[in-house]
Amino acid sequence: MFYTDVIKGDVRATAKLIRKVDDQADGYLDELKAIYPHTGNAFIIGVTGNPGAGKSTLVNQLIKYFRGESKKVGIVAIDPTSPFSGGAILGDRIRMQKYFNDEGVFIRSVATRGNLGGLSRSTGDIIKILDAMGNDIVIIETVGVGQDEIDICKIADLSIVVLVPGMGDHIQAIKAGIMEIADVFVLNKADLSGADRTISDVNSMLMMDSREKKPPVLKTIAEKGEGIKELIDTLYTLRDEKNSFCNSQNFERKKLEFSTILNHLIQERVDSLLTESEKETLLNKIMDGETNPYKEAEMIVDRIFRNPFL
């Protein structure tokens, strides 16, 4: 069991537990049950947006600022899955290598492993581990998949959507997805031409937003560190505002968290019932019209609830 060392801030134990949880190795659930009472203290920030928007550069600047405040920072960098190894294609050493030896920064790259929504299957659990480790701030940088990348709003206290100048009509095209989950819009690379037009497009879109309090729209030039302090100040302000009326929001988040865990455990139980060979045989029968997926799925669920100790 690694959790006792994790809550003491041990880096090696934290890395091992994250690996154990991400692989869903034997005993991972017991570790998470032990970790849970030590969570709920970190400020969780999600950073999402289209590929090329400069999310990683912005995250680097956020780390720099928070470390200047002597805060411990945990990073979960969600990357595409390698078709060969099943792991993350981009490594944390490459993306944020200047902080790799900083004892106050813990960085972990995690592969999506085919998950939609911009996150990996185990992201929520890894956040809890980094929280229990004693990090003041946990930042999740999503993979950058565009319109469908909206799961971040379900697990982060605040979500930053990063845009770049010149998006034009593309903002209208994605407003039904990623644009609606922002707590803060950040126009990065604001020194490029088209910045004012993009800001205007975002503000026009926000006029149709049903939320009473509209998300702020800020400018940054992450490569130069410009606009970062204003962004941090805005995040702190929004966090304080949310904390003053967040009981209903917290209830919905716990409800979602419980449903997600329940679904994962049911899926694990289903997977344990059938070998790969049995699954292939069943799928071939479905393909040949000998049976149908609704009937077979119902039978498997019935097996689980008839014998919960399977």
Protein backbone atom coordinates (compact mmCIF):
# COMPACT_ATOMS: atom_id res chain seq x y z
CA MET A 1 0.00 0.00 0.00
CA PHE A 2 1.36 3.39 -1.06
CA TYR A 3 -1.23 5.77 0.40
CA THR A 4 0.46 6.23 3.80
CA ASP A 5 3.56 7.65 2.11
CA VAL A 6 1.51 9.66 -0.40
CA ILE A 7 -0.20 11.67 2.32
CA LYS A 8 3.27 12.44 3.70
CA GLY A 9 4.17 13.98 0.33
CA ASP A 10 6.48 11.20 -0.87
CA VAL A 11 7.13 11.67 -4.58
CA ARG A 12 8.13 8.08 -5.36
CA ALA A 13 5.09 6.62 -3.61
CA THR A 14 2.83 9.09 -5.41
CA ALA A 15 4.22 8.11 -8.81
CA LYS A 16 3.79 4.41 -8.01
CA LEU A 17 0.22 4.89 -6.81
CA ILE A 18 -0.71 6.90 -9.90
CA ARG A 19 0.65 4.10 -12.07
CA LYS A 20 -1.23 1.52 -10.03
CA VAL A 21 -4.49 3.45 -10.34
CA ASP A 22 -4.04 4.22 -14.04
CA ASP A 23 -3.43 0.52 -14.74
CA GLN A 24 -6.23 -0.49 -12.35
CA ALA A 25 -3.83 -2.97 -10.78
CA ASP A 26 -4.83 -5.23 -7.89
CA GLY A 27 -5.63 -3.24 -4.75
CA TYR A 28 -5.99 0.14 -6.47
CA LEU A 29 -9.52 0.58 -5.14
CA ASP A 30 -8.42 0.03 -1.53
CA GLU A 31 -5.76 2.71 -2.02
CA LEU A 32 -8.33 5.20 -3.31
CA LYS A 33 -10.70 4.46 -0.44
CA ALA A 34 -7.88 5.19 2.01
CA ILE A 35 -6.83 8.35 0.13
CA TYR A 36 -10.29 9.91 -0.11
CA PRO A 37 -10.55 11.35 3.46
CA HIS A 38 -7.38 13.34 2.78
CA THR A 39 -8.77 15.13 -0.30
CA GLY A 40 -10.74 18.32 -0.85
CA ASN A 41 -8.02 20.86 -0.10
CA ALA A 42 -6.44 21.61 -3.49
CA PHE A 43 -7.56 24.32 -5.91
CA ILE A 44 -8.22 22.44 -9.16
CA ILE A 45 -7.78 24.35 -12.40
CA GLY A 46 -8.59 22.97 -15.84
CA VAL A 47 -6.88 24.30 -18.96
CA THR A 48 -8.46 23.37 -22.28
CA GLY A 49 -8.69 24.62 -25.83
CA ASN A 50 -7.77 23.83 -29.39
CA PRO A 51 -4.38 22.38 -30.32
CA GLY A 52 -1.83 25.11 -30.96
CA ALA A 53 -3.46 27.61 -28.62
CA GLY A 54 -0.42 27.58 -26.32
CA LYS A 55 -1.93 25.66 -23.41
CA SER A 56 1.37 24.14 -22.29
CA THR A 57 3.15 27.50 -22.42
CA LEU A 58 0.35 29.06 -20.38
CA VAL A 59 0.51 26.22 -17.83
CA ASN A 60 4.26 26.76 -17.50
CA GLN A 61 3.62 30.40 -16.62
CA LEU A 62 0.95 29.44 -14.09
CA ILE A 63 3.40 27.04 -12.44
CA LYS A 64 6.04 29.80 -12.31
CA TYR A 65 3.63 32.22 -10.65
CA PHE A 66 2.25 29.75 -8.11
CA ARG A 67 5.77 28.61 -7.20
CA GLY A 68 6.62 32.28 -6.65
CA GLU A 69 3.89 32.21 -4.03
CA SER A 70 5.54 29.12 -2.48
CA LYS A 71 2.60 26.93 -3.39
CA LYS A 72 3.01 23.24 -4.21
CA VAL A 73 1.70 22.45 -7.67
CA GLY A 74 0.56 19.17 -9.20
CA ILE A 75 0.14 18.85 -12.95
CA VAL A 76 -1.86 16.27 -14.88
CA ALA A 77 -0.99 16.58 -18.58
CA ILE A 78 -3.39 14.55 -20.71
CA ASP A 79 -1.76 13.35 -23.92
CA PRO A 80 -2.79 11.30 -26.96
CA THR A 81 -2.30 7.57 -26.64
CA SER A 82 0.58 5.88 -28.42
CA PRO A 83 -0.76 3.21 -30.80
CA PHE A 84 2.30 1.07 -29.95
CA SER A 85 2.76 1.27 -26.18
CA GLY A 86 -0.65 2.49 -25.06
CA GLY A 87 1.11 5.26 -23.11
CA ALA A 88 1.26 9.02 -23.50
CA ILE A 89 2.94 10.16 -26.70
CA LEU A 90 4.30 13.37 -25.19
CA GLY A 91 6.37 13.03 -22.01
CA ASP A 92 6.26 15.36 -19.03
CA ARG A 93 10.03 15.90 -19.23
CA ILE A 94 9.64 17.37 -22.70
CA ARG A 95 6.63 19.54 -22.00
CA MET A 96 7.61 21.07 -18.66
CA GLN A 97 11.17 19.92 -18.17
CA LYS A 98 12.35 23.12 -16.45
CA TYR A 99 10.22 22.15 -13.41
CA PHE A 100 11.01 18.45 -13.41
CA ASN A 101 13.57 18.78 -10.60
CA ASP A 102 11.53 21.27 -8.60
CA GLU A 103 10.50 19.50 -5.37
CA GLY A 104 7.41 21.72 -5.21
CA VAL A 105 6.11 20.56 -8.59
CA PHE A 106 4.81 17.09 -9.45
CA ILE A 107 4.07 16.46 -13.13
CA ARG A 108 2.44 13.42 -14.62
CA SER A 109 1.56 12.75 -18.27
CA VAL A 110 -1.40 10.43 -18.74
CA ALA A 111 -2.68 8.86 -21.94
CA THR A 112 -6.33 9.21 -22.92
CA ARG A 113 -6.42 5.49 -23.86
CA GLY A 114 -9.26 6.19 -26.24
CA ASN A 115 -11.40 8.22 -23.84
CA LEU A 116 -13.41 11.05 -25.37
CA GLY A 117 -13.91 14.44 -23.74
CA GLY A 118 -10.25 15.42 -23.45
CA LEU A 119 -9.47 13.46 -20.28
CA SER A 120 -8.15 10.03 -19.40
CA ARG A 121 -10.24 7.42 -17.60
CA SER A 122 -8.28 7.88 -14.37
CA THR A 123 -7.95 11.68 -14.33
CA GLY A 124 -10.34 12.18 -11.42
CA ASP A 125 -8.53 9.59 -9.30
CA ILE A 126 -5.11 11.07 -10.09
CA ILE A 127 -6.34 14.51 -9.04
CA LYS A 128 -7.36 13.05 -5.68
CA ILE A 129 -3.92 11.51 -5.25
CA LEU A 130 -2.19 14.83 -5.98
CA ASP A 131 -4.60 16.56 -3.62
CA ALA A 132 -3.86 14.07 -0.82
CA MET A 133 -0.14 14.44 -1.53
CA GLY A 134 -0.42 18.01 -0.25
CA ASN A 135 -0.45 20.07 -3.44
CA ASP A 136 -2.08 23.48 -3.04
CA ILE A 137 -2.86 23.73 -6.75
CA VAL A 138 -3.67 20.95 -9.22
CA ILE A 139 -3.72 21.89 -12.91
CA ILE A 140 -5.17 19.62 -15.58
CA GLU A 141 -4.11 20.32 -19.15
CA THR A 142 -6.36 18.46 -21.56
CA VAL A 143 -5.30 16.78 -24.75
CA GLY A 144 -6.71 19.44 -27.07
CA VAL A 145 -9.46 17.74 -29.02
CA GLY A 146 -11.67 20.72 -29.73
CA GLN A 147 -15.46 20.80 -29.48
CA ASP A 148 -15.93 17.56 -27.54
CA GLU A 149 -13.37 18.45 -24.90
CA ILE A 150 -15.84 19.40 -22.18
CA ASP A 151 -15.33 16.84 -19.40
CA ILE A 152 -12.87 19.15 -17.67
CA CYS A 153 -15.69 21.27 -16.26
CA LYS A 154 -16.97 18.23 -14.35
CA ILE A 155 -13.85 17.80 -12.21
CA ALA A 156 -12.15 21.22 -12.06
CA ASP A 157 -13.08 24.02 -9.69
CA LEU A 158 -12.52 26.45 -12.56
CA SER A 159 -12.00 25.87 -16.27
CA ILE A 160 -9.88 28.05 -18.54
CA VAL A 161 -10.59 27.93 -22.27
CA VAL A 162 -7.58 29.10 -24.26
CA LEU A 163 -8.17 30.77 -27.63
CA VAL A 164 -5.88 32.35 -30.21
CA PRO A 165 -6.39 35.29 -32.60
CA GLY A 166 -7.82 34.61 -36.00
CA MET A 167 -10.36 31.98 -34.99
CA GLY A 168 -13.13 34.02 -36.61
CA ASP A 169 -16.19 31.99 -37.54
CA HIS A 170 -14.64 28.97 -35.83
CA ILE A 171 -15.81 30.40 -32.49
CA GLN A 172 -19.41 30.20 -33.67
CA ALA A 173 -18.84 26.63 -34.81
CA ILE A 174 -17.68 25.44 -31.39
CA LYS A 175 -19.92 27.54 -29.15
CA ALA A 176 -22.25 24.59 -28.46
CA GLY A 177 -19.44 22.60 -26.90
CA ILE A 178 -16.19 23.78 -25.43
CA MET A 179 -17.11 27.47 -25.35
CA GLU A 180 -19.93 26.90 -22.91
CA ILE A 181 -17.84 25.32 -20.16
CA ALA A 182 -15.45 28.24 -19.62
CA ASP A 183 -15.17 30.04 -16.30
CA VAL A 184 -12.48 32.19 -17.93
CA PHE A 185 -11.61 32.80 -21.56
CA VAL A 186 -7.96 33.48 -22.25
CA LEU A 187 -6.94 34.90 -25.61
CA ASN A 188 -3.33 33.78 -25.81
CA LYS A 189 -0.81 35.10 -28.34
CA ALA A 190 -2.66 38.39 -28.03
CA ASP A 191 0.13 40.21 -29.86
CA LEU A 192 -0.88 38.57 -33.15
CA SER A 193 -3.11 40.32 -35.65
CA GLY A 194 -6.79 39.63 -35.25
CA ALA A 195 -6.75 39.67 -31.45
CA ASP A 196 -9.32 42.46 -31.09
CA ARG A 197 -11.60 40.81 -33.64
CA THR A 198 -11.46 37.52 -31.75
CA ILE A 199 -12.24 39.28 -28.46
CA SER A 200 -15.21 40.93 -30.15
CA ASP A 201 -16.41 37.57 -31.49
CA VAL A 202 -16.21 36.00 -28.04
CA ASN A 203 -18.10 38.87 -26.43
CA SER A 204 -20.79 38.65 -29.11
CA MET A 205 -21.14 34.96 -28.41
CA LEU A 206 -21.39 35.59 -24.67
CA MET A 207 -24.41 37.84 -25.25
CA MET A 208 -26.30 34.62 -26.04
CA ASP A 209 -24.94 32.83 -22.97
CA SER A 210 -27.69 31.96 -20.51
CA ARG A 211 -25.45 32.40 -17.48
CA GLU A 212 -26.25 35.45 -15.38
CA LYS A 213 -22.58 36.18 -14.72
CA LYS A 214 -20.59 36.07 -17.94
CA PRO A 215 -17.07 34.59 -17.96
CA PRO A 216 -14.30 37.21 -18.15
CA VAL A 217 -12.24 37.43 -21.33
CA LEU A 218 -8.54 38.08 -20.73
CA LYS A 219 -5.50 38.57 -22.95
CA THR A 220 -2.15 36.87 -22.42
CA ILE A 221 1.13 36.49 -24.23
CA ALA A 222 2.28 33.38 -22.42
CA GLU A 223 5.71 33.21 -24.06
CA LYS A 224 6.52 36.60 -22.52
CA GLY A 225 4.64 36.06 -19.27
CA GLU A 226 2.29 38.94 -20.02
CA GLY A 227 -1.20 38.89 -18.53
CA ILE A 228 -0.44 36.01 -16.16
CA LYS A 229 -0.85 38.01 -12.94
CA GLU A 230 -4.23 39.30 -14.12
CA LEU A 231 -5.28 35.75 -14.91
CA ILE A 232 -4.18 34.47 -11.49
CA ASP A 233 -6.00 37.33 -9.73
CA THR A 234 -9.14 36.52 -11.71
CA LEU A 235 -8.92 32.83 -10.80
CA TYR A 236 -8.61 33.64 -7.11
CA THR A 237 -11.57 36.03 -7.29
CA LEU A 238 -13.76 33.50 -9.09
CA ARG A 239 -12.77 30.78 -6.64
CA ASP A 240 -13.79 32.94 -3.70
CA GLU A 241 -17.09 33.81 -5.37
CA LYS A 242 -17.84 30.16 -6.06
CA ASN A 243 -16.99 29.15 -2.51
CA SER A 244 -19.64 31.53 -1.19
CA PHE A 245 -22.52 29.82 -3.03
CA CYS A 246 -21.27 26.45 -4.15
CA ASN A 247 -23.28 23.98 -2.04
CA SER A 248 -25.58 22.99 -4.91
CA GLN A 249 -22.66 22.82 -7.32
CA ASN A 250 -20.69 20.62 -4.92
CA PHE A 251 -23.69 18.31 -4.57
CA GLU A 252 -23.90 17.91 -8.36
CA ARG A 253 -20.15 17.25 -8.55
CA LYS A 254 -20.36 14.54 -5.84
CA LYS A 255 -23.34 13.05 -7.63
CA LEU A 256 -21.37 12.89 -10.87
CA GLU A 257 -18.30 11.54 -9.07
CA PHE A 258 -20.33 8.73 -7.51
CA SER A 259 -21.98 7.84 -10.83
CA THR A 260 -18.60 7.77 -12.59
CA ILE A 261 -17.06 5.48 -9.97
CA LEU A 262 -20.10 3.21 -10.04
CA ASN A 263 -20.00 2.95 -13.83
CA HIS A 264 -16.27 2.14 -13.80
CA LEU A 265 -16.72 -0.61 -11.22
CA ILE A 266 -19.63 -2.14 -13.13
CA GLN A 267 -17.55 -2.09 -16.31
CA GLU A 268 -14.68 -3.79 -14.47
CA ARG A 269 -17.05 -6.49 -13.24
CA VAL A 270 -18.41 -7.00 -16.76
CA ASP A 271 -14.89 -7.26 -18.18
CA SER A 272 -13.98 -9.85 -15.58
CA LEU A 273 -16.86 -12.11 -16.62
CA LEU A 274 -15.63 -12.72 -20.15
CA THR A 275 -12.24 -13.65 -21.53
CA GLU A 276 -11.08 -12.01 -24.74
CA SER A 277 -11.83 -15.24 -26.56
CA GLU A 278 -15.38 -15.32 -25.18
CA LYS A 279 -15.92 -11.69 -26.16
CA GLU A 280 -14.74 -12.43 -29.70
CA THR A 281 -17.04 -15.43 -29.95
CA LEU A 282 -19.98 -13.37 -28.71
CA LEU A 283 -19.25 -10.53 -31.14
CA ASN A 284 -19.04 -13.00 -34.02
CA LYS A 285 -22.48 -14.35 -33.09
CA ILE A 286 -23.83 -10.82 -33.07
CA MET A 287 -22.22 -10.18 -36.46
CA ASP A 288 -23.78 -13.38 -37.85
CA GLY A 289 -27.22 -12.44 -36.56
CA GLU A 290 -27.41 -15.37 -34.13
CA THR A 291 -28.08 -12.96 -31.26
CA ASN A 292 -28.17 -9.22 -30.63
CA PRO A 293 -26.19 -6.84 -28.39
CA TYR A 294 -29.20 -5.79 -26.29
CA LYS A 295 -30.03 -9.35 -25.31
CA GLU A 296 -26.41 -10.26 -24.53
CA ALA A 297 -25.76 -7.08 -22.52
CA GLU A 298 -28.91 -7.70 -20.47
CA MET A 299 -27.85 -11.28 -19.77
CA ILE A 300 -24.41 -10.17 -18.58
CA VAL A 301 -25.90 -7.55 -16.24
CA ASP A 302 -28.33 -10.17 -14.89
CA ARG A 303 -25.36 -12.46 -14.16
CA ILE A 304 -23.67 -9.70 -12.16
CA PHE A 305 -26.67 -8.97 -9.99
CA ARG A 306 -27.56 -12.61 -9.49
CA ASN A 307 -24.06 -13.24 -8.19
CA PRO A 308 -22.47 -10.01 -6.92
CA PHE A 309 -19.35 -11.91 -5.81
CA LEU A 310 -18.31 -12.84 -9.36
